[in-house]
Structure formats: C-alpha cells, structure tokens
Amino acid sequence: MNDLYQLRFRALFDPGRAYVFPCDKSGRVDIDALSERARANYLYARTVVGREFWLPDVQLVSIH
C-alpha cells in the first residue's frame, strides 16, 4: 500500500487558513503534476514562509 502525504502551509495570523499540496514522505512536491493555479499557490506559500505562513508540515493523509 502506498501512503499518501500532504505538505501543509499554515497561516501565521489566520488559524483557519492553509495551503495543502500532495507530496512524498520527505515533503517533496511534484510541481509538474500541479495545476497552474496550485503551482502558483505553492510557489507563493514557499516565498512567504516566516511572513505569512509557518514552515510547512508533512502529514500522512488518512484514508477511510
């Protein structure tokens, strides 16, 4: 069974806001597999870590 992971960028000042992207166990995101909008959001979130978002967390996705 392949585990599914997600990289979550949580907002510093808005607890309900986050960007989430599929990734591997190490947190690597396949940028080429993202839609254009998701790619732009991912690059934005990476750019503003420490100003708008916390460092991202890698999370195992629970599948039921």
PDB file of N, CA and C in Angstrom:
ATOM      1  N   MET A   1       0.840  -1.194   0.000  1.00  0.00           N
ATOM      2  CA  MET A   1       0.000   0.000   0.000  1.00  0.00           C
ATOM      3  C   MET A   1       0.881   1.252   0.000  1.00  0.00           C
ATOM      4  N   ASN A   2       0.582   2.180  -0.851  1.00  0.00           N
ATOM      5  CA  ASN A   2       1.301   3.448  -0.899  1.00  0.00           C
ATOM      6  C   ASN A   2       0.636   4.442   0.027  1.00  0.00           C
ATOM      7  N   ASP A   3       1.413   5.004   0.926  1.00  0.00           N
ATOM      8  CA  ASP A   3       0.888   6.044   1.800  1.00  0.00           C
ATOM      9  C   ASP A   3       0.803   7.345   1.024  1.00  0.00           C
ATOM     10  N   LEU A   4      -0.166   8.159   1.368  1.00  0.00           N
ATOM     11  CA  LEU A   4      -0.319   9.466   0.759  1.00  0.00           C
ATOM     12  C   LEU A   4       0.049  10.526   1.787  1.00  0.00           C
ATOM     13  N   TYR A   5       0.794  11.511   1.335  1.00  0.00           N
ATOM     14  CA  TYR A   5       1.243  12.593   2.218  1.00  0.00           C
ATOM     15  C   TYR A   5       0.821  13.931   1.639  1.00  0.00           C
ATOM     16  N   GLN A   6       0.750  14.907   2.523  1.00  0.00           N
ATOM     17  CA  GLN A   6       0.459  16.267   2.085  1.00  0.00           C
ATOM     18  C   GLN A   6       1.384  17.226   2.820  1.00  0.00           C
ATOM     19  N   LEU A   7       1.744  18.274   2.109  1.00  0.00           N
ATOM     20  CA  LEU A   7       2.557  19.346   2.669  1.00  0.00           C
ATOM     21  C   LEU A   7       1.611  20.482   2.998  1.00  0.00           C
ATOM     22  N   ARG A   8       1.557  20.868   4.271  1.00  0.00           N
ATOM     23  CA  ARG A   8       0.596  21.876   4.737  1.00  0.00           C
ATOM     24  C   ARG A   8       1.326  23.128   5.209  1.00  0.00           C
ATOM     25  N   PHE A   9       0.998  24.247   4.572  1.00  0.00           N
ATOM     26  CA  PHE A   9       1.496  25.562   4.982  1.00  0.00           C
ATOM     27  C   PHE A   9       0.376  26.236   5.770  1.00  0.00           C
ATOM     28  N   ARG A  10       0.531  26.373   7.082  1.00  0.00           N
ATOM     29  CA  ARG A  10      -0.488  27.014   7.922  1.00  0.00           C
ATOM     30  C   ARG A  10      -0.191  28.504   8.059  1.00  0.00           C
ATOM     31  N   ALA A  11      -1.244  29.316   7.995  1.00  0.00           N
ATOM     32  CA  ALA A  11      -1.098  30.771   8.098  1.00  0.00           C
ATOM     33  C   ALA A  11      -0.661  31.167   9.503  1.00  0.00           C
ATOM     34  N   LEU A  12       0.199  32.147   9.588  1.00  0.00           N
ATOM     35  CA  LEU A  12       0.666  32.646  10.880  1.00  0.00           C
ATOM     36  C   LEU A  12      -0.430  33.366  11.656  1.00  0.00           C
ATOM     37  N   PHE A  13      -1.248  34.140  10.964  1.00  0.00           N
ATOM     38  CA  PHE A  13      -2.179  35.037  11.640  1.00  0.00           C
ATOM     39  C   PHE A  13      -3.647  34.683  11.461  1.00  0.00           C
ATOM     40  N   ASP A  14      -3.940  33.645  10.699  1.00  0.00           N
ATOM     41  CA  ASP A  14      -5.316  33.214  10.464  1.00  0.00           C
ATOM     42  C   ASP A  14      -5.352  31.696  10.616  1.00  0.00           C
ATOM     43  N   PRO A  15      -5.676  31.193  11.813  1.00  0.00           N
ATOM     44  CA  PRO A  15      -5.579  29.763  12.100  1.00  0.00           C
ATOM     45  C   PRO A  15      -6.367  28.863  11.149  1.00  0.00           C
ATOM     46  N   GLY A  16      -7.396  29.360  10.511  1.00  0.00           N
ATOM     47  CA  GLY A  16      -8.188  28.540   9.616  1.00  0.00           C
ATOM     48  C   GLY A  16      -7.667  28.484   8.195  1.00  0.00           C
ATOM     49  N   ARG A  17      -6.638  29.245   7.898  1.00  0.00           N
ATOM     50  CA  ARG A  17      -6.134  29.345   6.524  1.00  0.00           C
ATOM     51  C   ARG A  17      -4.888  28.479   6.357  1.00  0.00           C
ATOM     52  N   ALA A  18      -4.854  27.747   5.239  1.00  0.00           N
ATOM     53  CA  ALA A  18      -3.681  26.925   4.935  1.00  0.00           C
ATOM     54  C   ALA A  18      -3.677  26.591   3.452  1.00  0.00           C
ATOM     55  N   TYR A  19      -2.493  26.316   2.941  1.00  0.00           N
ATOM     56  CA  TYR A  19      -2.343  25.746   1.611  1.00  0.00           C
ATOM     57  C   TYR A  19      -1.858  24.317   1.813  1.00  0.00           C
ATOM     58  N   VAL A  20      -2.428  23.384   1.053  1.00  0.00           N
ATOM     59  CA  VAL A  20      -2.083  21.970   1.184  1.00  0.00           C
ATOM     60  C   VAL A  20      -1.792  21.405  -0.202  1.00  0.00           C
ATOM     61  N   PHE A  21      -0.683  20.668  -0.304  1.00  0.00           N
ATOM     62  CA  PHE A  21      -0.254  20.115  -1.586  1.00  0.00           C
ATOM     63  C   PHE A  21       0.153  18.657  -1.409  1.00  0.00           C
ATOM     64  N   PRO A  22      -0.128  17.810  -2.396  1.00  0.00           N
ATOM     65  CA  PRO A  22       0.335  16.422  -2.312  1.00  0.00           C
ATOM     66  C   PRO A  22       1.858  16.388  -2.377  1.00  0.00           C
ATOM     67  N   CYS A  23       2.444  15.462  -1.615  1.00  0.00           N
ATOM     68  CA  CYS A  23       3.904  15.360  -1.584  1.00  0.00           C
ATOM     69  C   CYS A  23       4.301  13.926  -1.279  1.00  0.00           C
ATOM     70  N   ASP A  24       5.603  13.676  -1.265  1.00  0.00           N
ATOM     71  CA  ASP A  24       6.089  12.367  -0.843  1.00  0.00           C
ATOM     72  C   ASP A  24       6.411  12.426   0.649  1.00  0.00           C
ATOM     73  N   LYS A  25       6.886  11.311   1.184  1.00  0.00           N
ATOM     74  CA  LYS A  25       7.162  11.208   2.622  1.00  0.00           C
ATOM     75  C   LYS A  25       8.160  12.253   3.107  1.00  0.00           C
ATOM     76  N   SER A  26       9.044  12.705   2.220  1.00  0.00           N
ATOM     77  CA  SER A  26      10.064  13.692   2.573  1.00  0.00           C
ATOM     78  C   SER A  26       9.595  15.128   2.402  1.00  0.00           C
ATOM     79  N   GLY A  27       8.363  15.312   1.901  1.00  0.00           N
ATOM     80  CA  GLY A  27       7.831  16.657   1.708  1.00  0.00           C
ATOM     81  C   GLY A  27       8.093  17.238   0.337  1.00  0.00           C
ATOM     82  N   ARG A  28       8.597  16.441  -0.584  1.00  0.00           N
ATOM     83  CA  ARG A  28       8.845  16.928  -1.941  1.00  0.00           C
ATOM     84  C   ARG A  28       7.546  16.942  -2.740  1.00  0.00           C
ATOM     85  N   VAL A  29       7.262  18.075  -3.336  1.00  0.00           N
ATOM     86  CA  VAL A  29       6.065  18.264  -4.150  1.00  0.00           C
ATOM     87  C   VAL A  29       6.449  18.130  -5.619  1.00  0.00           C
ATOM     88  N   ASP A  30       5.671  17.364  -6.373  1.00  0.00           N
ATOM     89  CA  ASP A  30       5.894  17.241  -7.819  1.00  0.00           C
ATOM     90  C   ASP A  30       5.222  18.449  -8.477  1.00  0.00           C
ATOM     91  N   ILE A  31       5.981  19.502  -8.671  1.00  0.00           N
ATOM     92  CA  ILE A  31       5.440  20.758  -9.199  1.00  0.00           C
ATOM     93  C   ILE A  31       4.799  20.547 -10.576  1.00  0.00           C
ATOM     94  N   ASP A  32       5.380  19.674 -11.388  1.00  0.00           N
ATOM     95  CA  ASP A  32       4.843  19.436 -12.723  1.00  0.00           C
ATOM     96  C   ASP A  32       3.463  18.789 -12.699  1.00  0.00           C
ATOM     97  N   ALA A  33       3.118  18.110 -11.609  1.00  0.00           N
ATOM     98  CA  ALA A  33       1.818  17.445 -11.502  1.00  0.00           C
ATOM     99  C   ALA A  33       0.729  18.391 -11.001  1.00  0.00           C
ATOM    100  N   LEU A  34       1.099  19.573 -10.531  1.00  0.00           N
ATOM    101  CA  LEU A  34       0.122  20.537 -10.020  1.00  0.00           C
ATOM    102  C   LEU A  34      -0.534  21.304 -11.160  1.00  0.00           C
ATOM    103  N   SER A  35      -1.759  21.743 -10.916  1.00  0.00           N
ATOM    104  CA  SER A  35      -2.402  22.638 -11.881  1.00  0.00           C
ATOM    105  C   SER A  35      -1.656  23.971 -11.867  1.00  0.00           C
ATOM    106  N   GLU A  36      -1.918  24.798 -12.840  1.00  0.00           N
ATOM    107  CA  GLU A  36      -1.249  26.103 -12.902  1.00  0.00           C
ATOM    108  C   GLU A  36      -1.529  26.926 -11.643  1.00  0.00           C
ATOM    109  N   ARG A  37      -2.781  26.934 -11.218  1.00  0.00           N
ATOM    110  CA  ARG A  37      -3.147  27.700 -10.026  1.00  0.00           C
ATOM    111  C   ARG A  37      -2.493  27.129  -8.763  1.00  0.00           C
ATOM    112  N   ALA A  38      -2.508  25.796  -8.621  1.00  0.00           N
ATOM    113  CA  ALA A  38      -1.882  25.159  -7.456  1.00  0.00           C
ATOM    114  C   ALA A  38      -0.379  25.421  -7.454  1.00  0.00           C
ATOM    115  N   ARG A  39       0.243  25.383  -8.631  1.00  0.00           N
ATOM    116  CA  ARG A  39       1.681  25.672  -8.733  1.00  0.00           C
ATOM    117  C   ARG A  39       1.973  27.097  -8.269  1.00  0.00           C
ATOM    118  N   ALA A  40       1.164  28.044  -8.706  1.00  0.00           N
ATOM    119  CA  ALA A  40       1.349  29.438  -8.288  1.00  0.00           C
ATOM    120  C   ALA A  40       1.166  29.572  -6.778  1.00  0.00           C
ATOM    121  N   ASN A  41       0.166  28.910  -6.225  1.00  0.00           N
ATOM    122  CA  ASN A  41      -0.072  28.952  -4.774  1.00  0.00           C
ATOM    123  C   ASN A  41       1.084  28.326  -4.003  1.00  0.00           C
ATOM    124  N   TYR A  42       1.607  27.217  -4.508  1.00  0.00           N
ATOM    125  CA  TYR A  42       2.731  26.551  -3.859  1.00  0.00           C
ATOM    126  C   TYR A  42       3.965  27.454  -3.843  1.00  0.00           C
ATOM    127  N   LEU A  43       4.277  28.028  -4.982  1.00  0.00           N
ATOM    128  CA  LEU A  43       5.448  28.915  -5.056  1.00  0.00           C
ATOM    129  C   LEU A  43       5.263  30.144  -4.170  1.00  0.00           C
ATOM    130  N   TYR A  44       4.038  30.666  -4.113  1.00  0.00           N
ATOM    131  CA  TYR A  44       3.746  31.807  -3.243  1.00  0.00           C
ATOM    132  C   TYR A  44       3.943  31.420  -1.776  1.00  0.00           C
ATOM    133  N   ALA A  45       3.354  30.302  -1.372  1.00  0.00           N
ATOM    134  CA  ALA A  45       3.452  29.881   0.033  1.00  0.00           C
ATOM    135  C   ALA A  45       4.905  29.688   0.438  1.00  0.00           C
ATOM    136  N   ARG A  46       5.706  29.080  -0.423  1.00  0.00           N
ATOM    137  CA  ARG A  46       7.132  28.903  -0.113  1.00  0.00           C
ATOM    138  C   ARG A  46       7.833  30.236   0.065  1.00  0.00           C
ATOM    139  N   THR A  47       7.449  31.212  -0.748  1.00  0.00           N
ATOM    140  CA  THR A  47       8.109  32.517  -0.730  1.00  0.00           C
ATOM    141  C   THR A  47       7.830  33.293   0.551  1.00  0.00           C
ATOM    142  N   VAL A  48       6.640  33.128   1.115  1.00  0.00           N
ATOM    143  CA  VAL A  48       6.256  33.949   2.269  1.00  0.00           C
ATOM    144  C   VAL A  48       6.300  33.190   3.598  1.00  0.00           C
ATOM    145  N   VAL A  49       7.015  32.060   3.632  1.00  0.00           N
ATOM    146  CA  VAL A  49       7.223  31.358   4.904  1.00  0.00           C
ATOM    147  C   VAL A  49       7.936  32.308   5.855  1.00  0.00           C
ATOM    148  N   GLY A  50       7.425  32.387   7.062  1.00  0.00           N
ATOM    149  CA  GLY A  50       8.002  33.284   8.064  1.00  0.00           C
ATOM    150  C   GLY A  50       7.371  34.658   8.085  1.00  0.00           C
ATOM    151  N   ARG A  51       6.656  35.009   7.013  1.00  0.00           N
ATOM    152  CA  ARG A  51       5.956  36.298   6.966  1.00  0.00           C
ATOM    153  C   ARG A  51       4.448  36.103   6.990  1.00  0.00           C
ATOM    154  N   GLU A  52       3.952  35.099   6.276  1.00  0.00           N
ATOM    155  CA  GLU A  52       2.516  34.812   6.251  1.00  0.00           C
ATOM    156  C   GLU A  52       2.198  33.378   6.667  1.00  0.00           C
ATOM    157  N   PHE A  53       3.172  32.472   6.492  1.00  0.00           N
ATOM    158  CA  PHE A  53       2.949  31.059   6.797  1.00  0.00           C
ATOM    159  C   PHE A  53       4.066  30.508   7.667  1.00  0.00           C
ATOM    160  N   TRP A  54       3.719  29.492   8.492  1.00  0.00           N
ATOM    161  CA  TRP A  54       4.704  28.729   9.248  1.00  0.00           C
ATOM    162  C   TRP A  54       5.480  27.862   8.273  1.00  0.00           C
ATOM    163  N   LEU A  55       6.606  27.316   8.727  1.00  0.00           N
ATOM    164  CA  LEU A  55       7.282  26.290   7.939  1.00  0.00           C
ATOM    165  C   LEU A  55       6.288  25.161   7.705  1.00  0.00           C
ATOM    166  N   PRO A  56       6.283  24.563   6.543  1.00  0.00           N
ATOM    167  CA  PRO A  56       5.277  23.540   6.259  1.00  0.00           C
ATOM    168  C   PRO A  56       5.521  22.244   7.030  1.00  0.00           C
ATOM    169  N   ASP A  57       4.430  21.520   7.268  1.00  0.00           N
ATOM    170  CA  ASP A  57       4.463  20.207   7.914  1.00  0.00           C
ATOM    171  C   ASP A  57       4.110  19.149   6.887  1.00  0.00           C
ATOM    172  N   VAL A  58       4.765  18.006   6.968  1.00  0.00           N
ATOM    173  CA  VAL A  58       4.390  16.853   6.154  1.00  0.00           C
ATOM    174  C   VAL A  58       3.435  16.021   7.001  1.00  0.00           C
ATOM    175  N   GLN A  59       2.279  15.701   6.445  1.00  0.00           N
ATOM    176  CA  GLN A  59       1.267  14.944   7.167  1.00  0.00           C
ATOM    177  C   GLN A  59       0.847  13.731   6.358  1.00  0.00           C
ATOM    178  N   LEU A  60       0.671  12.624   7.060  1.00  0.00           N
ATOM    179  CA  LEU A  60       0.119  11.426   6.443  1.00  0.00           C
ATOM    180  C   LEU A  60      -1.372  11.631   6.272  1.00  0.00           C
ATOM    181  N   VAL A  61      -1.873  11.357   5.087  1.00  0.00           N
ATOM    182  CA  VAL A  61      -3.293  11.527   4.803  1.00  0.00           C
ATOM    183  C   VAL A  61      -4.013  10.250   5.222  1.00  0.00           C
ATOM    184  N   SER A  62      -5.024  10.401   6.032  1.00  0.00           N
ATOM    185  CA  SER A  62      -5.824   9.262   6.490  1.00  0.00           C
ATOM    186  C   SER A  62      -6.849   8.906   5.427  1.00  0.00           C
ATOM    187  N   ILE A  63      -6.849   7.646   5.013  1.00  0.00           N
ATOM    188  CA  ILE A  63      -7.787   7.182   4.015  1.00  0.00           C
ATOM    189  C   ILE A  63      -8.735   6.184   4.669  1.00  0.00           C
ATOM    190  N   HIS A  64     -10.029   6.413   4.508  1.00  0.00           N
ATOM    191  CA  HIS A  64     -11.025   5.504   5.099  1.00  0.00           C
ATOM    192  C   HIS A  64     -11.759   4.780   4.010  1.00  0.00           C
TER     193      HIS A  64
END
